[in-house]
C-alpha atoms as a PDB file:
ATOM      1  CA  UNK A   1      -0.015   0.010  -0.009  1.00  0.00           C
ATOM      2  CA  UNK A   2       1.306   3.526  -0.890  1.00  0.00           C
ATOM      3  CA  UNK A   3       1.580   5.935   1.998  1.00  0.00           C
ATOM      4  CA  UNK A   4       2.616   9.551   2.080  1.00  0.00           C
ATOM      5  CA  UNK A   5       5.803   9.839   4.291  1.00  0.00           C
ATOM      6  CA  UNK A   6       8.718  11.940   5.423  1.00  0.00           C
ATOM      7  CA  UNK A   7      11.818  11.756   7.641  1.00  0.00           C
ATOM      8  CA  UNK A   8      12.164  14.472  10.286  1.00  0.00           C
ATOM      9  CA  UNK A   9      13.239  15.274  13.812  1.00  0.00           C
ATOM     10  CA  UNK A  10      10.969  16.550  16.522  1.00  0.00           C
ATOM     11  CA  UNK A  11      11.403  19.710  18.533  1.00  0.00           C
ATOM     12  CA  UNK A  12      11.009  20.258  22.326  1.00  0.00           C
ATOM     13  CA  UNK A  13       7.698  21.228  23.882  1.00  0.00           C
ATOM     14  CA  UNK A  14       9.308  24.371  25.179  1.00  0.00           C
ATOM     15  CA  UNK A  15      10.158  25.332  21.592  1.00  0.00           C
ATOM     16  CA  UNK A  16       6.695  24.537  20.363  1.00  0.00           C
ATOM     17  CA  UNK A  17       5.196  26.769  23.123  1.00  0.00           C
ATOM     18  CA  UNK A  18       7.397  29.725  22.227  1.00  0.00           C
ATOM     19  CA  UNK A  19       6.606  29.256  18.509  1.00  0.00           C
ATOM     20  CA  UNK A  20       2.900  29.093  19.324  1.00  0.00           C
ATOM     21  CA  UNK A  21       3.091  32.500  20.885  1.00  0.00           C
ATOM     22  CA  UNK A  22       4.779  33.869  17.797  1.00  0.00           C
ATOM     23  CA  UNK A  23       2.108  32.282  15.551  1.00  0.00           C
ATOM     24  CA  UNK A  24      -0.576  33.818  17.814  1.00  0.00           C
ATOM     25  CA  UNK A  25       0.937  37.241  17.388  1.00  0.00           C
ATOM     26  CA  UNK A  26       1.294  36.929  13.610  1.00  0.00           C
ATOM     27  CA  UNK A  27      -2.059  35.300  13.004  1.00  0.00           C
ATOM     28  CA  UNK A  28      -3.970  38.156  14.631  1.00  0.00           C
ATOM     29  CA  UNK A  29      -2.350  40.620  12.333  1.00  0.00           C
ATOM     30  CA  UNK A  30      -1.674  38.790   8.974  1.00  0.00           C
ATOM     31  CA  UNK A  31      -4.599  37.295   7.014  1.00  0.00           C
ATOM     32  CA  UNK A  32      -4.239  34.833   4.101  1.00  0.00           C
ATOM     33  CA  UNK A  33      -1.838  32.486   5.779  1.00  0.00           C
ATOM     34  CA  UNK A  34      -2.466  28.929   6.925  1.00  0.00           C
ATOM     35  CA  UNK A  35      -0.741  28.620  10.217  1.00  0.00           C
ATOM     36  CA  UNK A  36       0.871  25.404  11.365  1.00  0.00           C
ATOM     37  CA  UNK A  37      -0.450  23.699  14.459  1.00  0.00           C
ATOM     38  CA  UNK A  38       2.572  24.058  16.841  1.00  0.00           C
ATOM     39  CA  UNK A  39       1.853  20.548  18.325  1.00  0.00           C
ATOM     40  CA  UNK A  40       2.625  19.047  14.941  1.00  0.00           C
ATOM     41  CA  UNK A  41       5.887  21.046  14.354  1.00  0.00           C
ATOM     42  CA  UNK A  42       8.985  19.166  13.243  1.00  0.00           C
ATOM     43  CA  UNK A  43      11.961  19.715  10.915  1.00  0.00           C
ATOM     44  CA  UNK A  44      11.721  17.664   7.782  1.00  0.00           C
ATOM     45  CA  UNK A  45      14.911  16.122   6.558  1.00  0.00           C
ATOM     46  CA  UNK A  46      13.476  14.256   3.571  1.00  0.00           C
ATOM     47  CA  UNK A  47       9.951  14.236   2.116  1.00  0.00           C
ATOM     48  CA  UNK A  48       9.364  10.960   0.302  1.00  0.00           C
ATOM     49  CA  UNK A  49       5.856  11.443  -1.046  1.00  0.00           C
ATOM     50  CA  UNK A  50       3.849   8.361  -1.779  1.00  0.00           C
ATOM     51  CA  UNK A  51       5.917   5.238  -1.218  1.00  0.00           C
ATOM     52  CA  UNK A  52       5.183   1.562  -0.703  1.00  0.00           C
ATOM     53  CA  UNK A  53       4.796   0.973   3.062  1.00  0.00           C
ATOM     54  CA  UNK A  54       6.703  -2.317   2.942  1.00  0.00           C
ATOM     55  CA  UNK A  55       9.645  -0.649   1.386  1.00  0.00           C
ATOM     56  CA  UNK A  56       9.636   2.105   4.017  1.00  0.00           C
ATOM     57  CA  UNK A  57       9.396  -0.326   6.917  1.00  0.00           C
ATOM     58  CA  UNK A  58      12.011  -2.650   5.325  1.00  0.00           C
ATOM     59  CA  UNK A  59      14.883  -1.490   3.121  1.00  0.00           C
ATOM     60  CA  UNK A  60      14.485   2.316   3.620  1.00  0.00           C
ATOM     61  CA  UNK A  61      14.411   1.867   7.386  1.00  0.00           C
ATOM     62  CA  UNK A  62      17.533  -0.295   7.236  1.00  0.00           C
ATOM     63  CA  UNK A  63      19.352   2.431   5.342  1.00  0.00           C
ATOM     64  CA  UNK A  64      18.279   5.097   7.709  1.00  0.00           C
ATOM     65  CA  UNK A  65      19.414   2.943  10.729  1.00  0.00           C
ATOM     66  CA  UNK A  66      22.708   2.299   9.088  1.00  0.00           C
ATOM     67  CA  UNK A  67      23.503   5.942   8.401  1.00  0.00           C
ATOM     68  CA  UNK A  68      22.377   7.334  11.786  1.00  0.00           C
ATOM     69  CA  UNK A  69      24.356   4.795  13.828  1.00  0.00           C
ATOM     70  CA  UNK A  70      27.536   6.791  13.044  1.00  0.00           C
ATOM     71  CA  UNK A  71      26.063  10.192  13.923  1.00  0.00           C
ATOM     72  CA  UNK A  72      26.394  11.665  17.417  1.00  0.00           C
ATOM     73  CA  UNK A  73      23.480  13.696  18.715  1.00  0.00           C
ATOM     74  CA  UNK A  74      23.435  17.354  17.561  1.00  0.00           C
ATOM     75  CA  UNK A  75      22.536  20.597  19.455  1.00  0.00           C
ATOM     76  CA  UNK A  76      20.463  23.256  17.724  1.00  0.00           C
ATOM     77  CA  UNK A  77      19.044  26.477  18.916  1.00  0.00           C
ATOM     78  CA  UNK A  78      16.048  28.337  17.482  1.00  0.00           C
ATOM     79  CA  UNK A  79      16.479  31.896  16.476  1.00  0.00           C
ATOM     80  CA  UNK A  80      14.840  34.370  14.081  1.00  0.00           C
ATOM     81  CA  UNK A  81      11.932  34.406  11.807  1.00  0.00           C
ATOM     82  CA  UNK A  82      12.136  34.671   8.012  1.00  0.00           C
ATOM     83  CA  UNK A  83      10.337  34.025   4.749  1.00  0.00           C
ATOM     84  CA  UNK A  84      10.694  32.018   1.533  1.00  0.00           C
ATOM     85  CA  UNK A  85      11.363  32.770  -1.294  1.00  0.00           C
ATOM     86  CA  UNK A  86      11.890  36.463  -0.432  1.00  0.00           C
ATOM     87  CA  UNK A  87      10.620  39.413   1.511  1.00  0.00           C
ATOM     88  CA  UNK A  88       8.810  40.945  -1.526  1.00  0.00           C
ATOM     89  CA  UNK A  89       6.663  37.832  -2.121  1.00  0.00           C
ATOM     90  CA  UNK A  90       6.561  35.818   1.060  1.00  0.00           C
ATOM     91  CA  UNK A  91       5.060  32.279   0.637  1.00  0.00           C
ATOM     92  CA  UNK A  92       6.378  30.529   3.764  1.00  0.00           C
ATOM     93  CA  UNK A  93       6.960  32.035   7.136  1.00  0.00           C
ATOM     94  CA  UNK A  94       9.687  30.095   9.033  1.00  0.00           C
ATOM     95  CA  UNK A  95      11.656  29.960  12.233  1.00  0.00           C
ATOM     96  CA  UNK A  96      15.384  29.327  11.947  1.00  0.00           C
ATOM     97  CA  UNK A  97      17.525  26.606  13.469  1.00  0.00           C
ATOM     98  CA  UNK A  98      21.265  27.115  14.164  1.00  0.00           C
ATOM     99  CA  UNK A  99      24.074  25.140  15.836  1.00  0.00           C
ATOM    100  CA  UNK A 100      25.421  21.744  14.713  1.00  0.00           C
ATOM    101  CA  UNK A 101      23.890  22.307  11.259  1.00  0.00           C
ATOM    102  CA  UNK A 102      26.952  21.061   9.232  1.00  0.00           C
ATOM    103  CA  UNK A 103      26.607  17.656  10.841  1.00  0.00           C
ATOM    104  CA  UNK A 104      22.876  17.451  10.067  1.00  0.00           C
ATOM    105  CA  UNK A 105      23.480  18.631   6.483  1.00  0.00           C
ATOM    106  CA  UNK A 106      26.224  15.906   6.078  1.00  0.00           C
ATOM    107  CA  UNK A 107      23.939  13.260   7.453  1.00  0.00           C
ATOM    108  CA  UNK A 108      21.202  14.332   5.058  1.00  0.00           C
ATOM    109  CA  UNK A 109      23.569  14.189   2.101  1.00  0.00           C
ATOM    110  CA  UNK A 110      24.554  10.614   2.992  1.00  0.00           C
ATOM    111  CA  UNK A 111      20.943   9.632   3.342  1.00  0.00           C
ATOM    112  CA  UNK A 112      20.078  11.210  -0.062  1.00  0.00           C
ATOM    113  CA  UNK A 113      22.855   9.265  -1.679  1.00  0.00           C
ATOM    114  CA  UNK A 114      21.700   6.019  -0.049  1.00  0.00           C
ATOM    115  CA  UNK A 115      18.019   6.660  -1.038  1.00  0.00           C
ATOM    116  CA  UNK A 116      18.988   6.906  -4.797  1.00  0.00           C
ATOM    117  CA  UNK A 117      19.153   3.085  -4.971  1.00  0.00           C
ATOM    118  CA  UNK A 118      15.455   2.915  -4.279  1.00  0.00           C
ATOM    119  CA  UNK A 119      14.845   5.309  -7.218  1.00  0.00           C
ATOM    120  CA  UNK A 120      14.334   8.422  -5.171  1.00  0.00           C
ATOM    121  CA  UNK A 121      15.578  11.497  -6.998  1.00  0.00           C
ATOM    122  CA  UNK A 122      17.975  13.669  -4.978  1.00  0.00           C
ATOM    123  CA  UNK A 123      16.446  16.743  -3.618  1.00  0.00           C
ATOM    124  CA  UNK A 124      18.417  19.435  -5.576  1.00  0.00           C
ATOM    125  CA  UNK A 125      17.655  22.146  -2.943  1.00  0.00           C
ATOM    126  CA  UNK A 126      20.213  22.814  -0.230  1.00  0.00           C
ATOM    127  CA  UNK A 127      18.867  21.909   3.171  1.00  0.00           C
ATOM    128  CA  UNK A 128      18.040  25.061   5.029  1.00  0.00           C
ATOM    129  CA  UNK A 129      17.065  24.032   8.539  1.00  0.00           C
ATOM    130  CA  UNK A 130      13.819  25.631   9.525  1.00  0.00           C
ATOM    131  CA  UNK A 131      10.432  25.144  11.090  1.00  0.00           C
ATOM    132  CA  UNK A 132       7.495  26.179   8.945  1.00  0.00           C
ATOM    133  CA  UNK A 133       5.138  28.450  10.891  1.00  0.00           C
ATOM    134  CA  UNK A 134       2.669  29.182   8.072  1.00  0.00           C
ATOM    135  CA  UNK A 135       2.097  29.205   4.307  1.00  0.00           C
ATOM    136  CA  UNK A 136       0.473  31.971   2.324  1.00  0.00           C
ATOM    137  CA  UNK A 137      -2.467  30.828   0.229  1.00  0.00           C
ATOM    138  CA  UNK A 138      -1.326  32.880  -2.791  1.00  0.00           C
ATOM    139  CA  UNK A 139       0.082  36.435  -2.904  1.00  0.00           C
ATOM    140  CA  UNK A 140      -0.411  38.153   0.388  1.00  0.00           C
ATOM    141  CA  UNK A 141      -2.380  41.410   0.232  1.00  0.00           C
ATOM    142  CA  UNK A 142      -0.813  42.621   3.479  1.00  0.00           C
ATOM    143  CA  UNK A 143       2.782  41.467   3.078  1.00  0.00           C
ATOM    144  CA  UNK A 144       4.219  44.857   4.130  1.00  0.00           C
ATOM    145  CA  UNK A 145       2.548  44.435   7.500  1.00  0.00           C
ATOM    146  CA  UNK A 146       3.925  40.840   7.756  1.00  0.00           C
ATOM    147  CA  UNK A 147       7.440  42.085   6.915  1.00  0.00           C
ATOM    148  CA  UNK A 148       7.249  44.860   9.480  1.00  0.00           C
ATOM    149  CA  UNK A 149       6.268  42.339  12.220  1.00  0.00           C
ATOM    150  CA  UNK A 150       8.807  39.707  11.124  1.00  0.00           C
ATOM    151  CA  UNK A 151      11.624  42.205  10.993  1.00  0.00           C
ATOM    152  CA  UNK A 152      11.106  42.758  14.748  1.00  0.00           C
ATOM    153  CA  UNK A 153      11.425  39.029  15.370  1.00  0.00           C
ATOM    154  CA  UNK A 154      14.578  38.383  13.359  1.00  0.00           C
ATOM    155  CA  UNK A 155      16.732  37.929  16.472  1.00  0.00           C
ATOM    156  CA  UNK A 156      14.058  36.420  18.711  1.00  0.00           C
ATOM    157  CA  UNK A 157      15.271  33.197  20.405  1.00  0.00           C
ATOM    158  CA  UNK A 158      12.909  30.344  21.163  1.00  0.00           C
ATOM    159  CA  UNK A 159      14.902  27.545  22.829  1.00  0.00           C
ATOM    160  CA  UNK A 160      17.393  24.789  22.294  1.00  0.00           C
ATOM    161  CA  UNK A 161      17.002  21.200  21.258  1.00  0.00           C
ATOM    162  CA  UNK A 162      19.116  18.080  21.209  1.00  0.00           C
ATOM    163  CA  UNK A 163      18.561  16.133  18.016  1.00  0.00           C
ATOM    164  CA  UNK A 164      19.177  12.616  19.127  1.00  0.00           C
ATOM    165  CA  UNK A 165      16.754  10.785  16.831  1.00  0.00           C
ATOM    166  CA  UNK A 166      15.123  10.865  13.425  1.00  0.00           C
ATOM    167  CA  UNK A 167      11.551   9.748  12.868  1.00  0.00           C
ATOM    168  CA  UNK A 168      10.010   8.289   9.818  1.00  0.00           C
ATOM    169  CA  UNK A 169       6.423   9.521   9.673  1.00  0.00           C
ATOM    170  CA  UNK A 170       3.261   8.555   7.773  1.00  0.00           C
ATOM    171  CA  UNK A 171       1.372  11.653   6.801  1.00  0.00           C
ATOM    172  CA  UNK A 172      -2.400  11.589   6.133  1.00  0.00           C
ATOM    173  CA  UNK A 173      -3.955  14.763   4.826  1.00  0.00           C
ATOM    174  CA  UNK A 174      -7.490  15.474   6.100  1.00  0.00           C
ATOM    175  CA  UNK A 175      -9.916  18.392   5.910  1.00  0.00           C
ATOM    176  CA  UNK A 176      -9.046  19.135   9.586  1.00  0.00           C
ATOM    177  CA  UNK A 177      -5.312  19.115   8.958  1.00  0.00           C
ATOM    178  CA  UNK A 178      -2.462  16.553   8.682  1.00  0.00           C
ATOM    179  CA  UNK A 179      -2.281  13.443  10.852  1.00  0.00           C
ATOM    180  CA  UNK A 180       1.216  12.179  11.494  1.00  0.00           C
ATOM    181  CA  UNK A 181       1.835   8.649  12.573  1.00  0.00           C
ATOM    182  CA  UNK A 182       5.259   7.353  13.649  1.00  0.00           C
ATOM    183  CA  UNK A 183       6.402   4.444  11.428  1.00  0.00           C
ATOM    184  CA  UNK A 184       9.813   4.045  13.049  1.00  0.00           C
ATOM    185  CA  UNK A 185      12.143   6.110  15.273  1.00  0.00           C
ATOM    186  CA  UNK A 186      15.883   5.937  14.785  1.00  0.00           C
ATOM    187  CA  UNK A 187      18.180   6.926  17.721  1.00  0.00           C
ATOM    188  CA  UNK A 188      21.441   8.624  16.632  1.00  0.00           C
ATOM    189  CA  UNK A 189      24.541   6.634  17.600  1.00  0.00           C
ATOM    190  CA  UNK A 190      23.265   3.187  16.574  1.00  0.00           C
ATOM    191  CA  UNK A 191      20.268   2.215  18.603  1.00  0.00           C
ATOM    192  CA  UNK A 192      16.962   1.398  16.827  1.00  0.00           C
END
């Protein structure tokens, strides 16, 4: 059976709470954005799309376990709010992650290479560690107001996390929002 899936790491409850307050501030002043439920926040390392569940639970999980066993846990801190693709036409509002990013980017590159044997195309985009806060449903009519608010939050800090595992998630899209179910959790340093 095909399932929609992605590989990610979770963030701390403290970070979710602080980001919820930022979303609350922004959502009251900026219309036309679909805001993320903070309880569902995570940092996606690899989106797979629709993949055979047996392959995910079998060979793909073995590859992930093999790659993460050599990786020590990484420390990240949350700081700043920004937008993709640019300030003039913001489509995604995000919170930044900083710290042991080189190690995480290197791990992702190894995983991307390993996933090629399953027919997955490499993601050509450079990994920019971030947490999505909201997505604009088209061109924002009030993007100047968004920019003014976000510029004040550029240096805001919202906690630290220790990335000690990656999680393979099943994602079901519903009219009430996505439902994420853990397929498998992979502890960094070799435990599974």
